[in-house]
Amino acid sequence: MLALAQAVLLGPFAVILRYIFDTVIPAGHLQRLALIGGALLLLNPFSNGLQLWLRHVSSGRPKIVGRHAVRLIIANDNSRQTLSRIGR
C-alpha cells in the first residue's frame, strides 16, 4: 500500500518533466518553469520521507528473509562438502 503511494507520488514527475521540455522551455515561459521547478522541489522531500517511512515499517521483514538465506547457505555448504567427499 505504501509502495503504491510512493509510485503515485513519483509517477507525475515524468509527465511534468516531459511537459517542461516539450512545452514550457520551447515557449520561453520562465515564470511557469520556475513555478513547476519549485513544485518538483517541494514534492521531492515528501517522496524521500515516504521512502524512509516505508523502510522503517518494513524493517522487521529482512530478518525472516535472513533466516531463510542462512538455511540456503548452510544447505549449499553441506552439499559442497558432500560433493568434495565424493570426488576424492
Protein backbone atom coordinates (compact mmCIF):
# COMPACT_ATOMS: atom_id res chain seq x y z
CA MET A 1 0.00 0.00 0.00
CA LEU A 2 2.78 2.41 0.90
CA ALA A 3 4.78 1.43 -2.17
CA LEU A 4 1.74 2.26 -4.27
CA ALA A 5 1.53 5.67 -2.61
CA GLN A 6 5.17 6.27 -3.43
CA ALA A 7 4.63 5.26 -7.06
CA VAL A 8 1.64 7.58 -7.30
CA LEU A 9 3.75 10.39 -5.86
CA LEU A 10 6.68 9.76 -8.21
CA GLY A 11 4.63 8.98 -11.31
CA PRO A 12 3.78 12.58 -12.20
CA PHE A 13 7.48 13.54 -12.23
CA ALA A 14 7.96 12.02 -15.69
CA VAL A 15 4.83 13.67 -17.05
CA ILE A 16 5.81 17.03 -15.59
CA LEU A 17 9.35 16.79 -16.94
CA ARG A 18 8.04 15.94 -20.38
CA TYR A 19 5.70 18.94 -20.22
CA ILE A 20 8.62 21.18 -19.21
CA PHE A 21 10.88 20.08 -22.07
CA ASP A 22 8.19 19.80 -24.75
CA THR A 23 6.10 22.88 -23.96
CA VAL A 24 7.40 25.30 -21.35
CA ILE A 25 11.04 25.67 -22.41
CA PRO A 26 10.36 25.99 -26.17
CA ALA A 27 7.66 28.61 -25.48
CA GLY A 28 10.01 30.56 -23.20
CA HIS A 29 7.66 30.65 -20.19
CA LEU A 30 10.25 31.30 -17.49
CA GLN A 31 7.70 32.05 -14.76
CA ARG A 32 5.89 28.78 -15.41
CA LEU A 33 9.22 26.95 -15.45
CA ALA A 34 10.15 28.44 -12.07
CA LEU A 35 6.74 27.53 -10.62
CA ILE A 36 6.90 23.93 -11.85
CA GLY A 37 10.52 23.60 -10.70
CA GLY A 38 9.52 24.82 -7.23
CA ALA A 39 6.66 22.32 -7.11
CA LEU A 40 9.04 19.49 -8.03
CA LEU A 41 11.44 20.60 -5.31
CA LEU A 42 8.61 20.52 -2.78
CA LEU A 43 7.42 17.06 -3.87
CA ASN A 44 10.89 15.52 -3.57
CA PRO A 45 11.14 15.66 0.27
CA PHE A 46 7.68 14.09 0.57
CA SER A 47 8.79 11.23 -1.65
CA ASN A 48 12.01 10.76 0.31
CA GLY A 49 10.13 10.87 3.61
CA LEU A 50 7.67 8.26 2.37
CA GLN A 51 10.56 6.06 1.29
CA LEU A 52 12.22 6.31 4.71
CA TRP A 53 8.92 5.57 6.45
CA LEU A 54 8.38 2.56 4.19
CA ARG A 55 11.84 1.24 5.13
CA HIS A 56 11.06 1.78 8.81
CA VAL A 57 7.71 -0.02 8.61
CA SER A 58 9.16 -2.99 6.73
CA SER A 59 12.41 -3.22 8.70
CA GLY A 60 11.26 -6.35 10.57
CA ARG A 61 10.86 -8.38 7.40
CA PRO A 62 14.51 -8.79 6.38
CA LYS A 63 15.06 -10.92 9.49
CA ILE A 64 12.65 -13.52 8.11
CA VAL A 65 14.33 -13.43 4.73
CA GLY A 66 17.69 -13.57 6.50
CA ARG A 67 16.82 -16.81 8.29
CA HIS A 68 15.84 -18.43 5.01
CA ALA A 69 19.01 -17.16 3.38
CA VAL A 70 21.10 -18.66 6.20
CA ARG A 71 19.35 -22.02 5.72
CA LEU A 72 20.11 -21.91 2.00
CA ILE A 73 23.74 -21.01 2.62
CA ILE A 74 24.12 -23.86 5.11
CA ALA A 75 22.42 -26.30 2.75
CA ASN A 76 24.65 -25.15 -0.10
CA ASP A 77 27.75 -25.50 2.05
CA ASN A 78 26.71 -29.00 3.17
CA SER A 79 26.14 -30.07 -0.44
CA ARG A 80 29.58 -28.75 -1.42
CA GLN A 81 31.20 -30.74 1.38
CA THR A 82 29.33 -33.84 0.27
CA LEU A 83 30.39 -33.36 -3.35
CA SER A 84 34.02 -32.78 -2.34
CA ARG A 85 34.00 -36.06 -0.40
CA ILE A 86 32.56 -37.91 -3.37
CA GLY A 87 35.25 -36.53 -5.68
CA ARG A 88 38.10 -37.85 -3.51
